[in-house]
Amino acid sequence: MSVVYIMLPVALLLAGVGVVAFCWAVRDGQLDDLDSEAARLLEDDEDARIGRS
């Protein structure tokens, strides 16, 4: 039973850190445009096809 007194605050602290990190990411704009990077992977890269870097 004494483990609960240690693990409960640790779990709440980790959950709080996760919520703060998520809120920071939303305010920073990291979740604004999720489609453009995924679509960019599907486009052909002209330089790679020619052999240039």
PDB file of N, CA and C in Angstrom:
ATOM      1  N   MET A   1       0.820  -1.202   0.000  1.00  0.00           N
ATOM      2  CA  MET A   1       0.000   0.000   0.000  1.00  0.00           C
ATOM      3  C   MET A   1       0.861   1.262   0.000  1.00  0.00           C
ATOM      4  N   SER A   2       2.065   1.174   0.550  1.00  0.00           N
ATOM      5  CA  SER A   2       2.931   2.360   0.595  1.00  0.00           C
ATOM      6  C   SER A   2       3.444   2.748  -0.794  1.00  0.00           C
ATOM      7  N   VAL A   3       3.436   1.799  -1.725  1.00  0.00           N
ATOM      8  CA  VAL A   3       3.866   2.105  -3.090  1.00  0.00           C
ATOM      9  C   VAL A   3       2.896   3.077  -3.745  1.00  0.00           C
ATOM     10  N   VAL A   4       1.619   3.002  -3.370  1.00  0.00           N
ATOM     11  CA  VAL A   4       0.618   3.901  -3.935  1.00  0.00           C
ATOM     12  C   VAL A   4       0.942   5.348  -3.587  1.00  0.00           C
ATOM     13  N   TYR A   5       1.468   5.576  -2.413  1.00  0.00           N
ATOM     14  CA  TYR A   5       1.804   6.944  -1.991  1.00  0.00           C
ATOM     15  C   TYR A   5       2.961   7.521  -2.794  1.00  0.00           C
ATOM     16  N   ILE A   6       3.755   6.665  -3.391  1.00  0.00           N
ATOM     17  CA  ILE A   6       4.868   7.129  -4.230  1.00  0.00           C
ATOM     18  C   ILE A   6       4.448   7.202  -5.697  1.00  0.00           C
ATOM     19  N   MET A   7       3.760   6.163  -6.166  1.00  0.00           N
ATOM     20  CA  MET A   7       3.441   6.071  -7.585  1.00  0.00           C
ATOM     21  C   MET A   7       2.329   7.037  -8.019  1.00  0.00           C
ATOM     22  N   LEU A   8       1.393   7.319  -7.160  1.00  0.00           N
ATOM     23  CA  LEU A   8       0.312   8.233  -7.524  1.00  0.00           C
ATOM     24  C   LEU A   8       0.829   9.643  -7.810  1.00  0.00           C
ATOM     25  N   PRO A   9       1.651  10.240  -6.954  1.00  0.00           N
ATOM     26  CA  PRO A   9       2.198  11.567  -7.305  1.00  0.00           C
ATOM     27  C   PRO A   9       3.096  11.534  -8.547  1.00  0.00           C
ATOM     28  N   VAL A  10       3.843  10.448  -8.724  1.00  0.00           N
ATOM     29  CA  VAL A  10       4.702  10.342  -9.912  1.00  0.00           C
ATOM     30  C   VAL A  10       3.836  10.272 -11.169  1.00  0.00           C
ATOM     31  N   ALA A  11       2.772   9.493 -11.133  1.00  0.00           N
ATOM     32  CA  ALA A  11       1.881   9.384 -12.286  1.00  0.00           C
ATOM     33  C   ALA A  11       1.200  10.719 -12.578  1.00  0.00           C
ATOM     34  N   LEU A  12       0.760  11.405 -11.541  1.00  0.00           N
ATOM     35  CA  LEU A  12       0.130  12.706 -11.741  1.00  0.00           C
ATOM     36  C   LEU A  12       1.124  13.727 -12.293  1.00  0.00           C
ATOM     37  N   LEU A  13       2.353  13.660 -11.844  1.00  0.00           N
ATOM     38  CA  LEU A  13       3.391  14.563 -12.356  1.00  0.00           C
ATOM     39  C   LEU A  13       3.663  14.298 -13.831  1.00  0.00           C
ATOM     40  N   LEU A  14       3.774  13.033 -14.213  1.00  0.00           N
ATOM     41  CA  LEU A  14       4.005  12.701 -15.623  1.00  0.00           C
ATOM     42  C   LEU A  14       2.823  13.108 -16.498  1.00  0.00           C
ATOM     43  N   ALA A  15       1.615  12.914 -16.006  1.00  0.00           N
ATOM     44  CA  ALA A  15       0.432  13.335 -16.757  1.00  0.00           C
ATOM     45  C   ALA A  15       0.418  14.856 -16.916  1.00  0.00           C
ATOM     46  N   GLY A  16       0.784  15.569 -15.875  1.00  0.00           N
ATOM     47  CA  GLY A  16       0.840  17.022 -15.949  1.00  0.00           C
ATOM     48  C   GLY A  16       1.882  17.507 -16.941  1.00  0.00           C
ATOM     49  N   VAL A  17       3.029  16.856 -16.961  1.00  0.00           N
ATOM     50  CA  VAL A  17       4.076  17.213 -17.922  1.00  0.00           C
ATOM     51  C   VAL A  17       3.590  16.968 -19.342  1.00  0.00           C
ATOM     52  N   GLY A  18       2.872  15.877 -19.555  1.00  0.00           N
ATOM     53  CA  GLY A  18       2.326  15.588 -20.882  1.00  0.00           C
ATOM     54  C   GLY A  18       1.317  16.619 -21.332  1.00  0.00           C
ATOM     55  N   VAL A  19       0.447  17.045 -20.433  1.00  0.00           N
ATOM     56  CA  VAL A  19      -0.558  18.064 -20.766  1.00  0.00           C
ATOM     57  C   VAL A  19       0.118  19.396 -21.074  1.00  0.00           C
ATOM     58  N   VAL A  20       1.106  19.756 -20.287  1.00  0.00           N
ATOM     59  CA  VAL A  20       1.830  21.014 -20.527  1.00  0.00           C
ATOM     60  C   VAL A  20       2.560  20.961 -21.866  1.00  0.00           C
ATOM     61  N   ALA A  21       3.188  19.842 -22.188  1.00  0.00           N
ATOM     62  CA  ALA A  21       3.895  19.711 -23.467  1.00  0.00           C
ATOM     63  C   ALA A  21       2.923  19.790 -24.639  1.00  0.00           C
ATOM     64  N   PHE A  22       1.754  19.169 -24.500  1.00  0.00           N
ATOM     65  CA  PHE A  22       0.757  19.234 -25.563  1.00  0.00           C
ATOM     66  C   PHE A  22       0.251  20.659 -25.756  1.00  0.00           C
ATOM     67  N   CYS A  23      -0.044  21.349 -24.667  1.00  0.00           N
ATOM     68  CA  CYS A  23      -0.513  22.735 -24.765  1.00  0.00           C
ATOM     69  C   CYS A  23       0.552  23.635 -25.378  1.00  0.00           C
ATOM     70  N   TRP A  24       1.798  23.407 -25.040  1.00  0.00           N
ATOM     71  CA  TRP A  24       2.894  24.183 -25.628  1.00  0.00           C
ATOM     72  C   TRP A  24       2.981  23.932 -27.134  1.00  0.00           C
ATOM     73  N   ALA A  25       2.832  22.678 -27.552  1.00  0.00           N
ATOM     74  CA  ALA A  25       2.912  22.359 -28.974  1.00  0.00           C
ATOM     75  C   ALA A  25       1.760  22.989 -29.747  1.00  0.00           C
ATOM     76  N   VAL A  26       0.571  23.009 -29.169  1.00  0.00           N
ATOM     77  CA  VAL A  26      -0.573  23.618 -29.836  1.00  0.00           C
ATOM     78  C   VAL A  26      -0.377  25.124 -29.950  1.00  0.00           C
ATOM     79  N   ARG A  27       0.073  25.772 -28.897  1.00  0.00           N
ATOM     80  CA  ARG A  27       0.281  27.225 -28.939  1.00  0.00           C
ATOM     81  C   ARG A  27       1.420  27.614 -29.861  1.00  0.00           C
ATOM     82  N   ASP A  28       2.412  26.739 -29.998  1.00  0.00           N
ATOM     83  CA  ASP A  28       3.562  27.021 -30.847  1.00  0.00           C
ATOM     84  C   ASP A  28       3.246  26.829 -32.328  1.00  0.00           C
ATOM     85  N   GLY A  29       2.101  26.216 -32.622  1.00  0.00           N
ATOM     86  CA  GLY A  29       1.690  26.045 -34.016  1.00  0.00           C
ATOM     87  C   GLY A  29       2.202  24.783 -34.663  1.00  0.00           C
ATOM     88  N   GLN A  30       2.664  23.829 -33.894  1.00  0.00           N
ATOM     89  CA  GLN A  30       3.222  22.616 -34.474  1.00  0.00           C
ATOM     90  C   GLN A  30       2.147  21.690 -35.031  1.00  0.00           C
ATOM     91  N   LEU A  31       0.902  21.889 -34.663  1.00  0.00           N
ATOM     92  CA  LEU A  31      -0.174  21.028 -35.132  1.00  0.00           C
ATOM     93  C   LEU A  31      -1.091  21.739 -36.115  1.00  0.00           C
ATOM     94  N   ASP A  32      -0.650  22.848 -36.679  1.00  0.00           N
ATOM     95  CA  ASP A  32      -1.497  23.626 -37.573  1.00  0.00           C
ATOM     96  C   ASP A  32      -1.696  22.953 -38.931  1.00  0.00           C
ATOM     97  N   ASP A  33      -0.635  22.498 -39.545  1.00  0.00           N
ATOM     98  CA  ASP A  33      -0.715  21.959 -40.906  1.00  0.00           C
ATOM     99  C   ASP A  33      -0.158  20.544 -40.909  1.00  0.00           C
ATOM    100  N   LEU A  34      -1.043  19.569 -40.864  1.00  0.00           N
ATOM    101  CA  LEU A  34      -0.611  18.179 -40.811  1.00  0.00           C
ATOM    102  C   LEU A  34      -0.574  17.520 -42.185  1.00  0.00           C
ATOM    103  N   ASP A  35      -1.174  18.133 -43.188  1.00  0.00           N
ATOM    104  CA  ASP A  35      -1.303  17.488 -44.493  1.00  0.00           C
ATOM    105  C   ASP A  35      -0.168  17.797 -45.453  1.00  0.00           C
ATOM    106  N   SER A  36       0.454  18.963 -45.357  1.00  0.00           N
ATOM    107  CA  SER A  36       1.445  19.340 -46.363  1.00  0.00           C
ATOM    108  C   SER A  36       2.698  18.468 -46.309  1.00  0.00           C
ATOM    109  N   GLU A  37       3.168  18.112 -45.122  1.00  0.00           N
ATOM    110  CA  GLU A  37       4.365  17.266 -45.024  1.00  0.00           C
ATOM    111  C   GLU A  37       4.089  15.856 -45.532  1.00  0.00           C
ATOM    112  N   ALA A  38       2.892  15.344 -45.278  1.00  0.00           N
ATOM    113  CA  ALA A  38       2.542  14.012 -45.765  1.00  0.00           C
ATOM    114  C   ALA A  38       2.432  14.015 -47.289  1.00  0.00           C
ATOM    115  N   ALA A  39       1.896  15.067 -47.860  1.00  0.00           N
ATOM    116  CA  ALA A  39       1.771  15.152 -49.311  1.00  0.00           C
ATOM    117  C   ALA A  39       3.127  15.373 -49.961  1.00  0.00           C
ATOM    118  N   ARG A  40       4.026  16.036 -49.265  1.00  0.00           N
ATOM    119  CA  ARG A  40       5.351  16.298 -49.828  1.00  0.00           C
ATOM    120  C   ARG A  40       6.152  15.016 -50.026  1.00  0.00           C
ATOM    121  N   LEU A  41       5.890  14.019 -49.213  1.00  0.00           N
ATOM    122  CA  LEU A  41       6.582  12.741 -49.366  1.00  0.00           C
ATOM    123  C   LEU A  41       6.199  12.037 -50.664  1.00  0.00           C
ATOM    124  N   LEU A  42       5.016  12.306 -51.180  1.00  0.00           N
ATOM    125  CA  LEU A  42       4.541  11.640 -52.378  1.00  0.00           C
ATOM    126  C   LEU A  42       5.037  12.286 -53.659  1.00  0.00           C
ATOM    127  N   GLU A  43       5.550  13.505 -53.574  1.00  0.00           N
ATOM    128  CA  GLU A  43       6.016  14.208 -54.764  1.00  0.00           C
ATOM    129  C   GLU A  43       7.384  13.686 -55.188  1.00  0.00           C
ATOM    130  N   ASP A  44       7.621  13.711 -56.490  1.00  0.00           N
ATOM    131  CA  ASP A  44       8.920  13.312 -57.023  1.00  0.00           C
ATOM    132  C   ASP A  44       9.939  14.409 -56.793  1.00  0.00           C
ATOM    133  N   ASP A  45      11.146  14.005 -56.522  1.00  0.00           N
ATOM    134  CA  ASP A  45      12.234  14.954 -56.340  1.00  0.00           C
ATOM    135  C   ASP A  45      13.083  14.932 -57.601  1.00  0.00           C
ATOM    136  N   GLU A  46      13.066  16.014 -58.331  1.00  0.00           N
ATOM    137  CA  GLU A  46      13.785  16.085 -59.610  1.00  0.00           C
ATOM    138  C   GLU A  46      15.289  15.901 -59.425  1.00  0.00           C
ATOM    139  N   ASP A  47      15.860  16.483 -58.383  1.00  0.00           N
ATOM    140  CA  ASP A  47      17.302  16.390 -58.179  1.00  0.00           C
ATOM    141  C   ASP A  47      17.739  14.957 -57.885  1.00  0.00           C
ATOM    142  N   ALA A  48      16.935  14.204 -57.166  1.00  0.00           N
ATOM    143  CA  ALA A  48      17.308  12.830 -56.828  1.00  0.00           C
ATOM    144  C   ALA A  48      17.236  11.944 -58.074  1.00  0.00           C
ATOM    145  N   ARG A  49      16.312  12.241 -58.980  1.00  0.00           N
ATOM    146  CA  ARG A  49      16.190  11.425 -60.170  1.00  0.00           C
ATOM    147  C   ARG A  49      17.352  11.656 -61.133  1.00  0.00           C
ATOM    148  N   ILE A  50      17.856  12.883 -61.182  1.00  0.00           N
ATOM    149  CA  ILE A  50      18.967  13.216 -62.074  1.00  0.00           C
ATOM    150  C   ILE A  50      20.295  12.735 -61.484  1.00  0.00           C
ATOM    151  N   GLY A  51      20.363  12.617 -60.180  1.00  0.00           N
ATOM    152  CA  GLY A  51      21.591  12.178 -59.551  1.00  0.00           C
ATOM    153  C   GLY A  51      22.324  13.285 -58.838  1.00  0.00           C
ATOM    154  N   ARG A  52      21.727  14.448 -58.750  1.00  0.00           N
ATOM    155  CA  ARG A  52      22.340  15.557 -58.029  1.00  0.00           C
ATOM    156  C   ARG A  52      21.936  15.483 -56.561  1.00  0.00           C
ATOM    157  N   SER A  53      22.747  16.115 -55.704  1.00  0.00           N
ATOM    158  CA  SER A  53      22.416  16.164 -54.284  1.00  0.00           C
ATOM    159  C   SER A  53      22.004  17.546 -53.898  1.00  0.00           C
TER     160      SER A  53
END
